[in-house]
All heavy atoms as atom14 arrays in JSON, in Angstrom:
{
  "sequence": "AELVHWNLTEEDHLYKIPLILRAKEMTAYPLKMFGSPWSSPAWMK",
  "atom14_mask": [
    [1, 1, 1, 1, 1, 0, 0, 0, 0, 0, 0, 0, 0, 0],
    [1, 1, 1, 1, 1, 1, 1, 1, 1, 0, 0, 0, 0, 0],
    [1, 1, 1, 1, 1, 1, 1, 1, 0, 0, 0, 0, 0, 0],
    [1, 1, 1, 1, 1, 1, 1, 0, 0, 0, 0, 0, 0, 0],
    [1, 1, 1, 1, 1, 1, 1, 1, 1, 1, 0, 0, 0, 0],
    [1, 1, 1, 1, 1, 1, 1, 1, 1, 1, 1, 1, 1, 1],
    [1, 1, 1, 1, 1, 1, 1, 1, 0, 0, 0, 0, 0, 0],
    [1, 1, 1, 1, 1, 1, 1, 1, 0, 0, 0, 0, 0, 0],
    [1, 1, 1, 1, 1, 1, 1, 0, 0, 0, 0, 0, 0, 0],
    [1, 1, 1, 1, 1, 1, 1, 1, 1, 0, 0, 0, 0, 0],
    [1, 1, 1, 1, 1, 1, 1, 1, 1, 0, 0, 0, 0, 0],
    [1, 1, 1, 1, 1, 1, 1, 1, 0, 0, 0, 0, 0, 0],
    [1, 1, 1, 1, 1, 1, 1, 1, 1, 1, 0, 0, 0, 0],
    [1, 1, 1, 1, 1, 1, 1, 1, 0, 0, 0, 0, 0, 0],
    [1, 1, 1, 1, 1, 1, 1, 1, 1, 1, 1, 1, 0, 0],
    [1, 1, 1, 1, 1, 1, 1, 1, 1, 0, 0, 0, 0, 0],
    [1, 1, 1, 1, 1, 1, 1, 1, 0, 0, 0, 0, 0, 0],
    [1, 1, 1, 1, 1, 1, 1, 0, 0, 0, 0, 0, 0, 0],
    [1, 1, 1, 1, 1, 1, 1, 1, 0, 0, 0, 0, 0, 0],
    [1, 1, 1, 1, 1, 1, 1, 1, 0, 0, 0, 0, 0, 0],
    [1, 1, 1, 1, 1, 1, 1, 1, 0, 0, 0, 0, 0, 0],
    [1, 1, 1, 1, 1, 1, 1, 1, 1, 1, 1, 0, 0, 0],
    [1, 1, 1, 1, 1, 0, 0, 0, 0, 0, 0, 0, 0, 0],
    [1, 1, 1, 1, 1, 1, 1, 1, 1, 0, 0, 0, 0, 0],
    [1, 1, 1, 1, 1, 1, 1, 1, 1, 0, 0, 0, 0, 0],
    [1, 1, 1, 1, 1, 1, 1, 1, 0, 0, 0, 0, 0, 0],
    [1, 1, 1, 1, 1, 1, 1, 0, 0, 0, 0, 0, 0, 0],
    [1, 1, 1, 1, 1, 0, 0, 0, 0, 0, 0, 0, 0, 0],
    [1, 1, 1, 1, 1, 1, 1, 1, 1, 1, 1, 1, 0, 0],
    [1, 1, 1, 1, 1, 1, 1, 0, 0, 0, 0, 0, 0, 0],
    [1, 1, 1, 1, 1, 1, 1, 1, 0, 0, 0, 0, 0, 0],
    [1, 1, 1, 1, 1, 1, 1, 1, 1, 0, 0, 0, 0, 0],
    [1, 1, 1, 1, 1, 1, 1, 1, 0, 0, 0, 0, 0, 0],
    [1, 1, 1, 1, 1, 1, 1, 1, 1, 1, 1, 0, 0, 0],
    [1, 1, 1, 1, 0, 0, 0, 0, 0, 0, 0, 0, 0, 0],
    [1, 1, 1, 1, 1, 1, 0, 0, 0, 0, 0, 0, 0, 0],
    [1, 1, 1, 1, 1, 1, 1, 0, 0, 0, 0, 0, 0, 0],
    [1, 1, 1, 1, 1, 1, 1, 1, 1, 1, 1, 1, 1, 1],
    [1, 1, 1, 1, 1, 1, 0, 0, 0, 0, 0, 0, 0, 0],
    [1, 1, 1, 1, 1, 1, 0, 0, 0, 0, 0, 0, 0, 0],
    [1, 1, 1, 1, 1, 1, 1, 0, 0, 0, 0, 0, 0, 0],
    [1, 1, 1, 1, 1, 0, 0, 0, 0, 0, 0, 0, 0, 0],
    [1, 1, 1, 1, 1, 1, 1, 1, 1, 1, 1, 1, 1, 1],
    [1, 1, 1, 1, 1, 1, 1, 1, 0, 0, 0, 0, 0, 0],
    [1, 1, 1, 1, 1, 1, 1, 1, 1, 0, 0, 0, 0, 0]
  ],
  "atom14_positions": [
    [[-10.83, 17.62, 2.31], [-11.71, 16.68, 2.97], [-12.4, 15.76, 2.0], [-12.73, 14.6, 2.35], [-12.7, 17.41, 3.8], [0.0, 0.0, 0.0], [0.0, 0.0, 0.0], [0.0, 0.0, 0.0], [0.0, 0.0, 0.0], [0.0, 0.0, 0.0], [0.0, 0.0, 0.0], [0.0, 0.0, 0.0], [0.0, 0.0, 0.0], [0.0, 0.0, 0.0]],
    [[-12.58, 16.17, 0.75], [-13.19, 15.36, -0.25], [-12.21, 14.41, -0.83], [-12.57, 13.48, -1.7], [-13.82, 16.21, -1.32], [-14.96, 17.12, -0.81], [-16.1, 16.32, -0.26], [-16.5, 15.28, -0.81], [-16.58, 16.71, 0.82], [0.0, 0.0, 0.0], [0.0, 0.0, 0.0], [0.0, 0.0, 0.0], [0.0, 0.0, 0.0], [0.0, 0.0, 0.0]],
    [[-10.9, 14.48, -0.52], [-9.82, 13.66, -0.99], [-9.69, 13.62, -2.51], [-9.37, 12.61, -3.11], [-10.03, 12.23, -0.41], [-10.15, 12.04, 1.06], [-10.44, 10.58, 1.45], [-9.01, 12.6, 1.75], [0.0, 0.0, 0.0], [0.0, 0.0, 0.0], [0.0, 0.0, 0.0], [0.0, 0.0, 0.0], [0.0, 0.0, 0.0], [0.0, 0.0, 0.0]],
    [[-9.9, 14.81, -3.14], [-9.76, 14.95, -4.53], [-8.41, 14.66, -5.01], [-8.17, 14.08, -6.1], [-10.22, 16.4, -4.92], [-9.93, 16.6, -6.43], [-11.7, 16.62, -4.59], [0.0, 0.0, 0.0], [0.0, 0.0, 0.0], [0.0, 0.0, 0.0], [0.0, 0.0, 0.0], [0.0, 0.0, 0.0], [0.0, 0.0, 0.0], [0.0, 0.0, 0.0]],
    [[-7.41, 15.01, -4.13], [-5.97, 14.85, -4.51], [-5.35, 13.57, -4.03], [-4.14, 13.42, -4.07], [-5.22, 16.09, -4.02], [-5.66, 17.4, -4.56], [-5.33, 17.83, -5.88], [-6.54, 18.34, -4.05], [-5.91, 18.99, -6.08], [-6.59, 19.29, -4.98], [0.0, 0.0, 0.0], [0.0, 0.0, 0.0], [0.0, 0.0, 0.0], [0.0, 0.0, 0.0]],
    [[-6.15, 12.67, -3.48], [-5.66, 11.42, -2.99], [-5.02, 10.59, -4.06], [-5.56, 10.47, -5.17], [-6.81, 10.59, -2.39], [-6.41, 9.43, -1.52], [-6.34, 9.37, -0.18], [-5.93, 8.13, -1.98], [-5.91, 8.12, 0.29], [-5.66, 7.35, -0.83], [-5.75, 7.57, -3.23], [-5.21, 6.07, -0.88], [-5.27, 6.23, -3.35], [-5.0, 5.53, -2.19]],
    [[-3.81, 10.05, -3.81], [-3.19, 9.15, -4.83], [-2.05, 8.4, -4.08], [-1.46, 8.81, -3.15], [-2.59, 10.02, -6.01], [-1.55, 10.96, -5.5], [-1.87, 12.08, -5.18], [-0.27, 10.58, -5.5], [0.0, 0.0, 0.0], [0.0, 0.0, 0.0], [0.0, 0.0, 0.0], [0.0, 0.0, 0.0], [0.0, 0.0, 0.0], [0.0, 0.0, 0.0]],
    [[-1.84, 7.17, -4.66], [-0.65, 6.44, -4.27], [0.65, 7.18, -4.62], [0.6, 8.07, -5.48], [-0.64, 5.01, -4.9], [-1.79, 4.07, -4.51], [-1.66, 2.76, -5.22], [-1.85, 3.87, -3.0], [0.0, 0.0, 0.0], [0.0, 0.0, 0.0], [0.0, 0.0, 0.0], [0.0, 0.0, 0.0], [0.0, 0.0, 0.0], [0.0, 0.0, 0.0]],
    [[1.73, 6.77, -4.03], [2.99, 7.51, -4.31], [3.98, 6.57, -4.97], [3.74, 5.39, -5.15], [3.6, 7.99, -2.89], [3.96, 6.78, -2.19], [2.55, 8.8, -2.08], [0.0, 0.0, 0.0], [0.0, 0.0, 0.0], [0.0, 0.0, 0.0], [0.0, 0.0, 0.0], [0.0, 0.0, 0.0], [0.0, 0.0, 0.0], [0.0, 0.0, 0.0]],
    [[5.17, 7.09, -5.25], [6.25, 6.32, -5.9], [6.65, 5.14, -4.94], [7.06, 4.08, -5.52], [7.46, 7.16, -6.22], [8.15, 7.72, -5.08], [9.39, 8.47, -5.51], [9.58, 8.74, -6.72], [10.19, 8.89, -4.57], [0.0, 0.0, 0.0], [0.0, 0.0, 0.0], [0.0, 0.0, 0.0], [0.0, 0.0, 0.0], [0.0, 0.0, 0.0]],
    [[6.54, 5.27, -3.69], [6.88, 4.22, -2.78], [6.02, 3.0, -2.96], [6.49, 1.8, -2.97], [6.79, 4.64, -1.3], [7.89, 5.54, -0.84], [7.65, 7.04, -1.1], [6.72, 7.39, -1.85], [8.45, 7.86, -0.62], [0.0, 0.0, 0.0], [0.0, 0.0, 0.0], [0.0, 0.0, 0.0], [0.0, 0.0, 0.0], [0.0, 0.0, 0.0]],
    [[4.72, 3.23, -3.22], [3.83, 2.09, -3.51], [4.16, 1.47, -4.89], [4.22, 0.23, -5.03], [2.33, 2.62, -3.56], [1.95, 3.2, -2.24], [1.63, 2.4, -1.3], [1.93, 4.43, -2.09], [0.0, 0.0, 0.0], [0.0, 0.0, 0.0], [0.0, 0.0, 0.0], [0.0, 0.0, 0.0], [0.0, 0.0, 0.0], [0.0, 0.0, 0.0]],
    [[4.42, 2.28, -5.88], [4.63, 1.83, -7.24], [6.01, 1.24, -7.44], [6.16, 0.33, -8.32], [4.35, 2.98, -8.26], [3.01, 3.51, -8.28], [1.89, 2.77, -8.52], [2.52, 4.76, -7.99], [0.77, 3.46, -8.47], [1.13, 4.68, -8.19], [0.0, 0.0, 0.0], [0.0, 0.0, 0.0], [0.0, 0.0, 0.0], [0.0, 0.0, 0.0]],
    [[6.92, 1.65, -6.68], [8.34, 1.13, -6.83], [8.74, 0.09, -5.78], [9.45, -0.86, -6.13], [9.32, 2.28, -6.8], [9.22, 3.35, -7.86], [10.28, 4.45, -7.57], [9.35, 2.73, -9.2], [0.0, 0.0, 0.0], [0.0, 0.0, 0.0], [0.0, 0.0, 0.0], [0.0, 0.0, 0.0], [0.0, 0.0, 0.0], [0.0, 0.0, 0.0]],
    [[8.29, 0.27, -4.56], [8.85, -0.52, -3.42], [7.92, -1.47, -2.8], [8.33, -2.38, -2.05], [9.42, 0.4, -2.34], [10.35, 1.43, -2.86], [10.32, 2.69, -2.34], [11.33, 1.16, -3.87], [11.23, 3.72, -2.83], [12.18, 2.08, -4.3], [12.15, 3.37, -3.78], [13.0, 4.33, -4.27], [0.0, 0.0, 0.0], [0.0, 0.0, 0.0]],
    [[6.64, -1.32, -2.93], [5.65, -2.15, -2.31], [4.94, -3.15, -3.22], [5.11, -4.32, -3.22], [4.62, -1.35, -1.48], [5.29, -0.57, -0.29], [4.14, 0.23, 0.39], [4.72, 1.08, 1.52], [3.68, 1.95, 2.14], [0.0, 0.0, 0.0], [0.0, 0.0, 0.0], [0.0, 0.0, 0.0], [0.0, 0.0, 0.0], [0.0, 0.0, 0.0]],
    [[4.06, -2.54, -4.11], [3.25, -3.35, -4.98], [4.01, -4.38, -5.87], [3.6, -5.49, -5.9], [2.3, -2.45, -5.77], [1.3, -1.7, -4.87], [1.54, -3.21, -6.85], [0.48, -0.64, -5.52], [0.0, 0.0, 0.0], [0.0, 0.0, 0.0], [0.0, 0.0, 0.0], [0.0, 0.0, 0.0], [0.0, 0.0, 0.0], [0.0, 0.0, 0.0]],
    [[5.1, -3.92, -6.49], [5.78, -4.91, -7.39], [6.32, -6.14, -6.6], [6.25, -7.27, -7.08], [6.92, -4.11, -7.97], [6.46, -2.65, -7.94], [5.67, -2.56, -6.64], [0.0, 0.0, 0.0], [0.0, 0.0, 0.0], [0.0, 0.0, 0.0], [0.0, 0.0, 0.0], [0.0, 0.0, 0.0], [0.0, 0.0, 0.0], [0.0, 0.0, 0.0]],
    [[6.8, -5.86, -5.39], [7.37, -7.02, -4.62], [6.25, -7.87, -4.11], [6.38, -9.12, -4.04], [8.2, -6.45, -3.44], [9.43, -5.71, -3.81], [10.27, -5.29, -2.52], [10.35, -6.41, -4.8], [0.0, 0.0, 0.0], [0.0, 0.0, 0.0], [0.0, 0.0, 0.0], [0.0, 0.0, 0.0], [0.0, 0.0, 0.0], [0.0, 0.0, 0.0]],
    [[5.12, -7.29, -3.71], [3.99, -8.11, -3.19], [3.51, -9.02, -4.31], [3.21, -10.2, -4.12], [2.86, -7.17, -2.67], [3.34, -6.41, -1.42], [1.62, -7.98, -2.45], [2.38, -5.31, -1.06], [0.0, 0.0, 0.0], [0.0, 0.0, 0.0], [0.0, 0.0, 0.0], [0.0, 0.0, 0.0], [0.0, 0.0, 0.0], [0.0, 0.0, 0.0]],
    [[3.36, -8.48, -5.56], [2.8, -9.26, -6.69], [3.76, -10.39, -7.04], [3.33, -11.5, -7.32], [2.61, -8.34, -7.89], [1.54, -7.3, -7.71], [1.4, -6.43, -8.99], [0.19, -7.89, -7.45], [0.0, 0.0, 0.0], [0.0, 0.0, 0.0], [0.0, 0.0, 0.0], [0.0, 0.0, 0.0], [0.0, 0.0, 0.0], [0.0, 0.0, 0.0]],
    [[5.07, -10.13, -6.93], [6.02, -11.22, -7.2], [6.0, -12.27, -6.11], [6.09, -13.47, -6.36], [7.43, -10.63, -7.41], [7.64, -9.8, -8.65], [8.84, -8.97, -8.63], [10.13, -9.69, -8.6], [11.32, -9.2, -8.48], [11.39, -7.83, -8.36], [12.37, -9.85, -8.51], [0.0, 0.0, 0.0], [0.0, 0.0, 0.0], [0.0, 0.0, 0.0]],
    [[5.88, -11.84, -4.89], [5.78, -12.82, -3.71], [4.52, -13.63, -3.83], [4.59, -14.84, -3.6], [5.75, -11.97, -2.42], [0.0, 0.0, 0.0], [0.0, 0.0, 0.0], [0.0, 0.0, 0.0], [0.0, 0.0, 0.0], [0.0, 0.0, 0.0], [0.0, 0.0, 0.0], [0.0, 0.0, 0.0], [0.0, 0.0, 0.0], [0.0, 0.0, 0.0]],
    [[3.43, -13.07, -4.25], [2.19, -13.78, -4.41], [2.31, -14.98, -5.34], [1.73, -16.05, -5.16], [1.06, -12.91, -4.92], [0.39, -12.01, -3.92], [-0.66, -11.14, -4.53], [-1.74, -11.99, -5.24], [-2.83, -11.19, -5.83], [0.0, 0.0, 0.0], [0.0, 0.0, 0.0], [0.0, 0.0, 0.0], [0.0, 0.0, 0.0], [0.0, 0.0, 0.0]],
    [[3.12, -14.79, -6.42], [3.28, -15.88, -7.38], [4.11, -16.97, -6.89], [4.13, -18.07, -7.44], [3.96, -15.27, -8.64], [3.06, -14.31, -9.45], [1.72, -14.98, -9.89], [1.81, -16.12, -10.46], [0.66, -14.42, -9.67], [0.0, 0.0, 0.0], [0.0, 0.0, 0.0], [0.0, 0.0, 0.0], [0.0, 0.0, 0.0], [0.0, 0.0, 0.0]],
    [[4.85, -16.87, -5.75], [5.74, -17.88, -5.22], [5.15, -18.71, -4.19], [5.62, -19.83, -3.91], [7.04, -17.14, -4.78], [7.82, -16.37, -5.74], [9.25, -15.66, -4.98], [9.99, -14.84, -6.43], [0.0, 0.0, 0.0], [0.0, 0.0, 0.0], [0.0, 0.0, 0.0], [0.0, 0.0, 0.0], [0.0, 0.0, 0.0], [0.0, 0.0, 0.0]],
    [[4.14, -18.23, -3.46], [3.63, -18.89, -2.3], [2.87, -20.12, -2.63], [2.11, -20.17, -3.53], [2.87, -17.95, -1.38], [1.72, -17.48, -2.14], [3.68, -16.77, -0.94], [0.0, 0.0, 0.0], [0.0, 0.0, 0.0], [0.0, 0.0, 0.0], [0.0, 0.0, 0.0], [0.0, 0.0, 0.0], [0.0, 0.0, 0.0], [0.0, 0.0, 0.0]],
    [[3.03, -21.13, -1.76], [2.18, -22.33, -1.8], [0.81, -22.11, -1.25], [-0.13, -22.89, -1.57], [2.88, -23.49, -1.13], [0.0, 0.0, 0.0], [0.0, 0.0, 0.0], [0.0, 0.0, 0.0], [0.0, 0.0, 0.0], [0.0, 0.0, 0.0], [0.0, 0.0, 0.0], [0.0, 0.0, 0.0], [0.0, 0.0, 0.0], [0.0, 0.0, 0.0]],
    [[0.62, -21.15, -0.4], [-0.65, -20.8, 0.21], [-1.0, -19.38, -0.18], [-0.11, -18.58, -0.44], [-0.56, -20.9, 1.76], [-0.32, -22.31, 2.24], [0.98, -22.84, 2.29], [-1.41, -23.15, 2.66], [1.15, -24.14, 2.81], [-1.24, -24.36, 3.11], [0.06, -24.97, 3.19], [0.25, -26.2, 3.61], [0.0, 0.0, 0.0], [0.0, 0.0, 0.0]],
    [[-2.3, -19.01, -0.21], [-2.61, -17.6, -0.47], [-1.96, -16.66, 0.56], [-1.83, -16.96, 1.76], [-4.14, -17.59, -0.24], [-4.58, -19.03, -0.45], [-3.45, -19.87, 0.0], [0.0, 0.0, 0.0], [0.0, 0.0, 0.0], [0.0, 0.0, 0.0], [0.0, 0.0, 0.0], [0.0, 0.0, 0.0], [0.0, 0.0, 0.0], [0.0, 0.0, 0.0]],
    [[-1.48, -15.55, -0.01], [-0.71, -14.59, 0.81], [-1.69, -13.65, 1.49], [-2.39, -12.93, 0.78], [0.29, -13.83, -0.05], [1.26, -12.85, 0.66], [2.13, -13.59, 1.68], [2.16, -12.22, -0.34], [0.0, 0.0, 0.0], [0.0, 0.0, 0.0], [0.0, 0.0, 0.0], [0.0, 0.0, 0.0], [0.0, 0.0, 0.0], [0.0, 0.0, 0.0]],
    [[-1.77, -13.72, 2.84], [-2.73, -12.89, 3.55], [-2.06, -11.53, 3.75], [-1.16, -11.35, 4.47], [-3.06, -13.47, 4.89], [-3.75, -14.89, 4.85], [-4.02, -15.35, 6.27], [-4.73, -16.71, 6.24], [-3.82, -17.78, 5.98], [0.0, 0.0, 0.0], [0.0, 0.0, 0.0], [0.0, 0.0, 0.0], [0.0, 0.0, 0.0], [0.0, 0.0, 0.0]],
    [[-2.65, -10.51, 3.1], [-2.1, -9.11, 3.18], [-3.05, -8.3, 4.08], [-4.27, -8.27, 3.93], [-2.01, -8.48, 1.8], [-1.1, -9.21, 0.84], [0.64, -9.36, 1.37], [1.03, -7.7, 1.74], [0.0, 0.0, 0.0], [0.0, 0.0, 0.0], [0.0, 0.0, 0.0], [0.0, 0.0, 0.0], [0.0, 0.0, 0.0], [0.0, 0.0, 0.0]],
    [[-2.43, -7.51, 5.01], [-3.24, -6.6, 5.76], [-2.51, -5.26, 5.89], [-1.33, -5.15, 5.9], [-3.57, -7.18, 7.2], [-2.42, -7.25, 8.16], [-2.19, -6.2, 9.05], [-1.59, -8.36, 8.22], [-1.11, -6.3, 9.99], [-0.53, -8.48, 9.12], [-0.32, -7.44, 10.02], [0.0, 0.0, 0.0], [0.0, 0.0, 0.0], [0.0, 0.0, 0.0]],
    [[-3.34, -4.18, 5.94], [-2.83, -2.83, 6.02], [-2.92, -2.3, 7.38], [-3.81, -2.65, 8.19], [0.0, 0.0, 0.0], [0.0, 0.0, 0.0], [0.0, 0.0, 0.0], [0.0, 0.0, 0.0], [0.0, 0.0, 0.0], [0.0, 0.0, 0.0], [0.0, 0.0, 0.0], [0.0, 0.0, 0.0], [0.0, 0.0, 0.0], [0.0, 0.0, 0.0]],
    [[-1.99, -1.34, 7.72], [-1.97, -0.6, 8.96], [-1.62, 0.81, 8.74], [-0.5, 1.08, 8.2], [-0.98, -1.3, 9.98], [-1.29, -2.63, 10.23], [0.0, 0.0, 0.0], [0.0, 0.0, 0.0], [0.0, 0.0, 0.0], [0.0, 0.0, 0.0], [0.0, 0.0, 0.0], [0.0, 0.0, 0.0], [0.0, 0.0, 0.0], [0.0, 0.0, 0.0]],
    [[-2.39, 1.83, 9.17], [-1.96, 3.18, 9.07], [-1.11, 3.62, 10.26], [-1.38, 3.18, 11.37], [-3.29, 3.96, 9.06], [-4.23, 3.07, 9.78], [-3.77, 1.69, 9.58], [0.0, 0.0, 0.0], [0.0, 0.0, 0.0], [0.0, 0.0, 0.0], [0.0, 0.0, 0.0], [0.0, 0.0, 0.0], [0.0, 0.0, 0.0], [0.0, 0.0, 0.0]],
    [[-0.12, 4.5, 10.02], [0.68, 5.1, 11.1], [0.15, 6.47, 11.44], [0.03, 6.81, 12.6], [2.13, 5.14, 10.64], [3.01, 4.03, 11.15], [4.05, 4.05, 12.0], [2.87, 2.61, 10.73], [4.58, 2.83, 12.21], [3.91, 1.9, 11.45], [2.04, 1.9, 9.93], [4.08, 0.53, 11.33], [2.18, 0.53, 9.76], [3.24, -0.12, 10.48]],
    [[-0.1, 7.28, 10.37], [-0.62, 8.59, 10.61], [-1.55, 9.01, 9.43], [-1.36, 8.62, 8.29], [0.56, 9.62, 10.7], [0.09, 10.96, 10.8], [0.0, 0.0, 0.0], [0.0, 0.0, 0.0], [0.0, 0.0, 0.0], [0.0, 0.0, 0.0], [0.0, 0.0, 0.0], [0.0, 0.0, 0.0], [0.0, 0.0, 0.0], [0.0, 0.0, 0.0]],
    [[-2.52, 9.75, 9.81], [-3.28, 10.45, 8.8], [-2.49, 11.62, 8.19], [-1.41, 11.86, 8.68], [-4.59, 11.11, 9.44], [-4.19, 12.12, 10.31], [0.0, 0.0, 0.0], [0.0, 0.0, 0.0], [0.0, 0.0, 0.0], [0.0, 0.0, 0.0], [0.0, 0.0, 0.0], [0.0, 0.0, 0.0], [0.0, 0.0, 0.0], [0.0, 0.0, 0.0]],
    [[-2.99, 12.26, 7.14], [-2.38, 13.46, 6.69], [-2.21, 14.45, 7.86], [-3.08, 14.51, 8.73], [-3.31, 13.96, 5.62], [-4.0, 12.81, 5.08], [-4.16, 11.87, 6.29], [0.0, 0.0, 0.0], [0.0, 0.0, 0.0], [0.0, 0.0, 0.0], [0.0, 0.0, 0.0], [0.0, 0.0, 0.0], [0.0, 0.0, 0.0], [0.0, 0.0, 0.0]],
    [[-1.07, 15.12, 7.89], [-0.84, 15.99, 9.1], [-1.93, 17.06, 9.25], [-2.25, 17.44, 10.43], [0.51, 16.68, 8.89], [0.0, 0.0, 0.0], [0.0, 0.0, 0.0], [0.0, 0.0, 0.0], [0.0, 0.0, 0.0], [0.0, 0.0, 0.0], [0.0, 0.0, 0.0], [0.0, 0.0, 0.0], [0.0, 0.0, 0.0], [0.0, 0.0, 0.0]],
    [[-2.54, 17.48, 8.18], [-3.58, 18.52, 8.34], [-4.89, 18.01, 8.93], [-5.75, 18.79, 9.35], [-3.89, 19.24, 6.94], [-4.19, 18.26, 5.85], [-3.3, 17.73, 4.9], [-5.44, 17.72, 5.5], [-3.94, 16.97, 4.03], [-5.26, 16.89, 4.29], [-6.77, 17.84, 6.01], [-6.27, 16.21, 3.7], [-7.77, 17.2, 5.36], [-7.59, 16.4, 4.26]],
    [[-5.02, 16.75, 9.0], [-6.21, 16.14, 9.72], [-5.96, 16.09, 11.26], [-6.91, 15.7, 11.97], [-6.51, 14.73, 9.21], [-7.08, 14.68, 7.79], [-7.62, 12.9, 7.45], [-8.21, 13.09, 5.77], [0.0, 0.0, 0.0], [0.0, 0.0, 0.0], [0.0, 0.0, 0.0], [0.0, 0.0, 0.0], [0.0, 0.0, 0.0], [0.0, 0.0, 0.0]],
    [[-4.73, 16.32, 11.73], [-4.46, 16.11, 13.13], [-4.4, 17.39, 13.91], [-4.14, 18.45, 13.35], [-3.08, 15.46, 13.24], [-3.07, 14.02, 12.64], [-1.66, 13.42, 12.67], [-1.09, 13.35, 14.08], [0.27, 12.68, 14.05], [0.0, 0.0, 0.0], [0.0, 0.0, 0.0], [0.0, 0.0, 0.0], [0.0, 0.0, 0.0], [0.0, 0.0, 0.0]]
  ]
}
């Protein structure tokens, strides 16, 4: 519950963040980024 073990995963470091940063450098307008959760940790449910 204190989220001591909270951390990003390899999916963020390999597949999401690098592509977002590269896309940001290309756009003529600021890139509006928004997040959406699908599920909490299973133990919270």
